[in-house]
């Protein structure tokens, strides 16, 4: 490989990396297994609170 080809390849490689960094990805952000479990437990707590709250409103209190 000659000198100019090496220089152009380095430059193209640098441009490609810069463009890849700027472009947005369609992949969802990674969420760890522990974080998923924590979010699921919070969601289930909220759902159970809403169910109990709704059942209290539905039943007439005397």
PDB file of N, CA and C in Angstrom:
ATOM      1  N   UNK A   1       0.848  -1.184   0.000  1.00  0.00           N
ATOM      2  CA  UNK A   1       0.000   0.000   0.000  1.00  0.00           C
ATOM      3  C   UNK A   1       0.893   1.247   0.000  1.00  0.00           C
ATOM      4  N   UNK A   2       0.505   2.191  -0.796  1.00  0.00           N
ATOM      5  CA  UNK A   2       1.300   3.408  -0.809  1.00  0.00           C
ATOM      6  C   UNK A   2       0.833   4.380   0.269  1.00  0.00           C
ATOM      7  N   UNK A   3       1.600   5.421   0.443  1.00  0.00           N
ATOM      8  CA  UNK A   3       1.354   6.367   1.534  1.00  0.00           C
ATOM      9  C   UNK A   3       0.017   7.077   1.409  1.00  0.00           C
ATOM     10  N   UNK A   4      -0.332   7.505   0.223  1.00  0.00           N
ATOM     11  CA  UNK A   4      -1.590   8.250   0.061  1.00  0.00           C
ATOM     12  C   UNK A   4      -2.804   7.360   0.315  1.00  0.00           C
ATOM     13  N   UNK A   5      -2.710   6.102  -0.091  1.00  0.00           N
ATOM     14  CA  UNK A   5      -3.831   5.193   0.144  1.00  0.00           C
ATOM     15  C   UNK A   5      -4.022   4.966   1.641  1.00  0.00           C
ATOM     16  N   UNK A   6      -2.936   4.828   2.389  1.00  0.00           N
ATOM     17  CA  UNK A   6      -3.022   4.660   3.843  1.00  0.00           C
ATOM     18  C   UNK A   6      -3.690   5.873   4.486  1.00  0.00           C
ATOM     19  N   UNK A   7      -3.302   7.041   4.035  1.00  0.00           N
ATOM     20  CA  UNK A   7      -3.851   8.280   4.589  1.00  0.00           C
ATOM     21  C   UNK A   7      -5.339   8.383   4.286  1.00  0.00           C
ATOM     22  N   UNK A   8      -5.734   8.088   3.046  1.00  0.00           N
ATOM     23  CA  UNK A   8      -7.146   8.176   2.683  1.00  0.00           C
ATOM     24  C   UNK A   8      -7.982   7.142   3.432  1.00  0.00           C
ATOM     25  N   UNK A   9      -7.450   5.936   3.620  1.00  0.00           N
ATOM     26  CA  UNK A   9      -8.175   4.914   4.365  1.00  0.00           C
ATOM     27  C   UNK A   9      -8.381   5.329   5.818  1.00  0.00           C
ATOM     28  N   UNK A  10      -7.346   5.917   6.429  1.00  0.00           N
ATOM     29  CA  UNK A  10      -7.470   6.400   7.806  1.00  0.00           C
ATOM     30  C   UNK A  10      -8.543   7.484   7.898  1.00  0.00           C
ATOM     31  N   UNK A  11      -8.516   8.383   6.911  1.00  0.00           N
ATOM     32  CA  UNK A  11      -9.481   9.481   6.907  1.00  0.00           C
ATOM     33  C   UNK A  11     -10.909   8.959   6.737  1.00  0.00           C
ATOM     34  N   UNK A  12     -11.095   8.019   5.810  1.00  0.00           N
ATOM     35  CA  UNK A  12     -12.421   7.442   5.595  1.00  0.00           C
ATOM     36  C   UNK A  12     -12.907   6.710   6.846  1.00  0.00           C
ATOM     37  N   UNK A  13     -12.001   5.995   7.484  1.00  0.00           N
ATOM     38  CA  UNK A  13     -12.348   5.269   8.701  1.00  0.00           C
ATOM     39  C   UNK A  13     -12.792   6.231   9.793  1.00  0.00           C
ATOM     40  N   UNK A  14     -12.074   7.349   9.919  1.00  0.00           N
ATOM     41  CA  UNK A  14     -12.423   8.354  10.923  1.00  0.00           C
ATOM     42  C   UNK A  14     -13.779   8.979  10.628  1.00  0.00           C
ATOM     43  N   UNK A  15     -14.053   9.290   9.356  1.00  0.00           N
ATOM     44  CA  UNK A  15     -15.341   9.858   8.967  1.00  0.00           C
ATOM     45  C   UNK A  15     -16.483   8.879   9.217  1.00  0.00           C
ATOM     46  N   UNK A  16     -16.235   7.609   8.911  1.00  0.00           N
ATOM     47  CA  UNK A  16     -17.259   6.591   9.104  1.00  0.00           C
ATOM     48  C   UNK A  16     -17.627   6.467  10.583  1.00  0.00           C
ATOM     49  N   UNK A  17     -16.633   6.496  11.462  1.00  0.00           N
ATOM     50  CA  UNK A  17     -16.888   6.426  12.903  1.00  0.00           C
ATOM     51  C   UNK A  17     -17.678   7.644  13.380  1.00  0.00           C
ATOM     52  N   UNK A  18     -17.322   8.815  12.876  1.00  0.00           N
ATOM     53  CA  UNK A  18     -18.010  10.041  13.280  1.00  0.00           C
ATOM     54  C   UNK A  18     -19.467  10.007  12.829  1.00  0.00           C
ATOM     55  N   UNK A  19     -19.716   9.561  11.619  1.00  0.00           N
ATOM     56  CA  UNK A  19     -21.089   9.477  11.112  1.00  0.00           C
ATOM     57  C   UNK A  19     -21.905   8.439  11.878  1.00  0.00           C
ATOM     58  N   UNK A  20     -21.277   7.344  12.251  1.00  0.00           N
ATOM     59  CA  UNK A  20     -21.972   6.308  13.005  1.00  0.00           C
ATOM     60  C   UNK A  20     -22.357   6.822  14.385  1.00  0.00           C
ATOM     61  N   UNK A  21     -21.505   7.645  14.966  1.00  0.00           N
ATOM     62  CA  UNK A  21     -21.784   8.188  16.284  1.00  0.00           C
ATOM     63  C   UNK A  21     -22.941   9.193  16.223  1.00  0.00           C
ATOM     64  N   UNK A  22     -23.040   9.944  15.145  1.00  0.00           N
ATOM     65  CA  UNK A  22     -24.085  10.950  15.002  1.00  0.00           C
ATOM     66  C   UNK A  22     -25.447  10.339  14.673  1.00  0.00           C
ATOM     67  N   UNK A  23     -25.442   9.237  13.923  1.00  0.00           N
ATOM     68  CA  UNK A  23     -26.717   8.651  13.519  1.00  0.00           C
ATOM     69  C   UNK A  23     -27.388   7.983  14.707  1.00  0.00           C
ATOM     70  N   UNK A  24     -28.700   8.103  14.754  1.00  0.00           N
ATOM     71  CA  UNK A  24     -29.436   7.493  15.855  1.00  0.00           C
ATOM     72  C   UNK A  24     -29.713   6.035  15.524  1.00  0.00           C
ATOM     73  N   UNK A  25     -29.755   5.231  16.556  1.00  0.00           N
ATOM     74  CA  UNK A  25     -29.969   3.803  16.382  1.00  0.00           C
ATOM     75  C   UNK A  25     -31.425   3.455  16.648  1.00  0.00           C
ATOM     76  N   UNK A  26     -31.921   2.426  15.983  1.00  0.00           N
ATOM     77  CA  UNK A  26     -33.279   1.965  16.201  1.00  0.00           C
ATOM     78  C   UNK A  26     -33.364   0.962  17.341  1.00  0.00           C
ATOM     79  N   UNK A  27     -32.201   0.532  17.826  1.00  0.00           N
ATOM     80  CA  UNK A  27     -32.184  -0.436  18.913  1.00  0.00           C
ATOM     81  C   UNK A  27     -32.646   0.205  20.212  1.00  0.00           C
ATOM     82  N   UNK A  28     -33.440  -0.497  21.005  1.00  0.00           N
ATOM     83  CA  UNK A  28     -33.819   0.054  22.313  1.00  0.00           C
ATOM     84  C   UNK A  28     -32.632   0.023  23.262  1.00  0.00           C
ATOM     85  N   UNK A  29     -32.650   0.931  24.208  1.00  0.00           N
ATOM     86  CA  UNK A  29     -31.566   1.005  25.168  1.00  0.00           C
ATOM     87  C   UNK A  29     -31.540  -0.262  26.019  1.00  0.00           C
ATOM     88  N   UNK A  30     -30.341  -0.779  26.310  1.00  0.00           N
ATOM     89  CA  UNK A  30     -30.209  -2.012  27.080  1.00  0.00           C
ATOM     90  C   UNK A  30     -30.624  -1.777  28.522  1.00  0.00           C
ATOM     91  N   UNK A  31     -31.424  -2.686  29.037  1.00  0.00           N
ATOM     92  CA  UNK A  31     -31.851  -2.645  30.429  1.00  0.00           C
ATOM     93  C   UNK A  31     -31.425  -3.957  31.057  1.00  0.00           C
ATOM     94  N   UNK A  32     -30.676  -3.879  32.149  1.00  0.00           N
ATOM     95  CA  UNK A  32     -30.161  -5.085  32.776  1.00  0.00           C
ATOM     96  C   UNK A  32     -31.284  -5.931  33.364  1.00  0.00           C
ATOM     97  N   UNK A  33     -30.955  -7.185  33.631  1.00  0.00           N
ATOM     98  CA  UNK A  33     -31.953  -8.120  34.150  1.00  0.00           C
ATOM     99  C   UNK A  33     -32.475  -7.656  35.508  1.00  0.00           C
ATOM    100  N   UNK A  34     -31.583  -7.178  36.369  1.00  0.00           N
ATOM    101  CA  UNK A  34     -31.982  -6.698  37.690  1.00  0.00           C
ATOM    102  C   UNK A  34     -32.899  -5.489  37.573  1.00  0.00           C
ATOM    103  N   UNK A  35     -32.591  -4.610  36.642  1.00  0.00           N
ATOM    104  CA  UNK A  35     -33.418  -3.415  36.433  1.00  0.00           C
ATOM    105  C   UNK A  35     -34.801  -3.797  35.919  1.00  0.00           C
ATOM    106  N   UNK A  36     -34.860  -4.791  35.009  1.00  0.00           N
ATOM    107  CA  UNK A  36     -36.158  -5.253  34.504  1.00  0.00           C
ATOM    108  C   UNK A  36     -37.008  -5.837  35.630  1.00  0.00           C
ATOM    109  N   UNK A  37     -36.376  -6.613  36.512  1.00  0.00           N
ATOM    110  CA  UNK A  37     -37.104  -7.197  37.644  1.00  0.00           C
ATOM    111  C   UNK A  37     -37.620  -6.109  38.575  1.00  0.00           C
ATOM    112  N   UNK A  38     -36.791  -5.088  38.826  1.00  0.00           N
ATOM    113  CA  UNK A  38     -37.198  -3.993  39.701  1.00  0.00           C
ATOM    114  C   UNK A  38     -38.378  -3.245  39.104  1.00  0.00           C
ATOM    115  N   UNK A  39     -38.309  -2.955  37.808  1.00  0.00           N
ATOM    116  CA  UNK A  39     -39.406  -2.250  37.138  1.00  0.00           C
ATOM    117  C   UNK A  39     -40.684  -3.083  37.142  1.00  0.00           C
ATOM    118  N   UNK A  40     -40.545  -4.400  36.953  1.00  0.00           N
ATOM    119  CA  UNK A  40     -41.715  -5.274  36.964  1.00  0.00           C
ATOM    120  C   UNK A  40     -42.358  -5.299  38.347  1.00  0.00           C
ATOM    121  N   UNK A  41     -41.548  -5.317  39.393  1.00  0.00           N
ATOM    122  CA  UNK A  41     -42.109  -5.340  40.742  1.00  0.00           C
ATOM    123  C   UNK A  41     -42.806  -4.017  41.062  1.00  0.00           C
ATOM    124  N   UNK A  42     -42.224  -2.906  40.640  1.00  0.00           N
ATOM    125  CA  UNK A  42     -42.868  -1.606  40.849  1.00  0.00           C
ATOM    126  C   UNK A  42     -44.187  -1.536  40.090  1.00  0.00           C
ATOM    127  N   UNK A  43     -44.184  -2.053  38.882  1.00  0.00           N
ATOM    128  CA  UNK A  43     -45.392  -2.023  38.061  1.00  0.00           C
ATOM    129  C   UNK A  43     -46.487  -2.884  38.694  1.00  0.00           C
ATOM    130  N   UNK A  44     -46.116  -4.030  39.222  1.00  0.00           N
ATOM    131  CA  UNK A  44     -47.112  -4.902  39.845  1.00  0.00           C
ATOM    132  C   UNK A  44     -47.664  -4.271  41.125  1.00  0.00           C
ATOM    133  N   UNK A  45     -46.806  -3.556  41.871  1.00  0.00           N
ATOM    134  CA  UNK A  45     -47.269  -2.862  43.078  1.00  0.00           C
ATOM    135  C   UNK A  45     -48.285  -1.780  42.719  1.00  0.00           C
ATOM    136  N   UNK A  46     -47.998  -1.022  41.695  1.00  0.00           N
ATOM    137  CA  UNK A  46     -48.899   0.048  41.254  1.00  0.00           C
ATOM    138  C   UNK A  46     -50.216  -0.554  40.783  1.00  0.00           C
ATOM    139  N   UNK A  47     -50.142  -1.646  40.050  1.00  0.00           N
ATOM    140  CA  UNK A  47     -51.359  -2.286  39.550  1.00  0.00           C
ATOM    141  C   UNK A  47     -52.192  -2.813  40.716  1.00  0.00           C
ATOM    142  N   UNK A  48     -51.562  -3.403  41.710  1.00  0.00           N
ATOM    143  CA  UNK A  48     -52.315  -3.937  42.852  1.00  0.00           C
ATOM    144  C   UNK A  48     -52.936  -2.805  43.669  1.00  0.00           C
ATOM    145  N   UNK A  49     -52.220  -1.675  43.795  1.00  0.00           N
ATOM    146  CA  UNK A  49     -52.779  -0.522  44.500  1.00  0.00           C
ATOM    147  C   UNK A  49     -53.995   0.028  43.765  1.00  0.00           C
ATOM    148  N   UNK A  50     -53.919   0.081  42.452  1.00  0.00           N
ATOM    149  CA  UNK A  50     -55.033   0.589  41.664  1.00  0.00           C
ATOM    150  C   UNK A  50     -56.235  -0.358  41.762  1.00  0.00           C
ATOM    151  N   UNK A  51     -55.970  -1.665  41.778  1.00  0.00           N
ATOM    152  CA  UNK A  51     -57.058  -2.635  41.903  1.00  0.00           C
ATOM    153  C   UNK A  51     -57.751  -2.504  43.243  1.00  0.00           C
ATOM    154  N   UNK A  52     -56.981  -2.363  44.316  1.00  0.00           N
ATOM    155  CA  UNK A  52     -57.593  -2.247  45.642  1.00  0.00           C
ATOM    156  C   UNK A  52     -58.335  -0.922  45.763  1.00  0.00           C
ATOM    157  N   UNK A  53     -57.772   0.121  45.183  1.00  0.00           N
ATOM    158  CA  UNK A  53     -58.416   1.433  45.219  1.00  0.00           C
ATOM    159  C   UNK A  53     -59.729   1.406  44.442  1.00  0.00           C
ATOM    160  N   UNK A  54     -59.726   0.753  43.292  1.00  0.00           N
ATOM    161  CA  UNK A  54     -60.934   0.660  42.475  1.00  0.00           C
ATOM    162  C   UNK A  54     -61.988  -0.198  43.164  1.00  0.00           C
ATOM    163  N   UNK A  55     -61.581  -1.256  43.834  1.00  0.00           N
ATOM    164  CA  UNK A  55     -62.558  -2.107  44.516  1.00  0.00           C
ATOM    165  C   UNK A  55     -63.155  -1.389  45.728  1.00  0.00           C
ATOM    166  N   UNK A  56     -62.370  -0.542  46.366  1.00  0.00           N
ATOM    167  CA  UNK A  56     -62.902   0.235  47.498  1.00  0.00           C
ATOM    168  C   UNK A  56     -63.960   1.224  47.028  1.00  0.00           C
ATOM    169  N   UNK A  57     -63.733   1.867  45.882  1.00  0.00           N
ATOM    170  CA  UNK A  57     -64.685   2.825  45.355  1.00  0.00           C
ATOM    171  C   UNK A  57     -65.959   2.125  44.857  1.00  0.00           C
ATOM    172  N   UNK A  58     -65.812   0.914  44.337  1.00  0.00           N
ATOM    173  CA  UNK A  58     -66.965   0.196  43.802  1.00  0.00           C
ATOM    174  C   UNK A  58     -67.862  -0.316  44.902  1.00  0.00           C
ATOM    175  N   UNK A  59     -67.287  -0.734  46.015  1.00  0.00           N
ATOM    176  CA  UNK A  59     -68.114  -1.259  47.099  1.00  0.00           C
ATOM    177  C   UNK A  59     -68.637  -0.108  47.957  1.00  0.00           C
ATOM    178  N   UNK A  60     -69.939  -0.106  48.260  1.00  0.00           N
ATOM    179  CA  UNK A  60     -70.507   0.988  49.065  1.00  0.00           C
ATOM    180  C   UNK A  60     -70.093   0.821  50.535  1.00  0.00           C
ATOM    181  N   UNK A  61     -69.666   1.901  51.104  1.00  0.00           N
ATOM    182  CA  UNK A  61     -69.266   1.882  52.513  1.00  0.00           C
ATOM    183  C   UNK A  61     -70.397   2.451  53.350  1.00  0.00           C
ATOM    184  N   UNK A  62     -70.757   1.767  54.421  1.00  0.00           N
ATOM    185  CA  UNK A  62     -71.851   2.231  55.270  1.00  0.00           C
ATOM    186  C   UNK A  62     -71.325   2.640  56.617  1.00  0.00           C
TER     187      UNK A  62
END
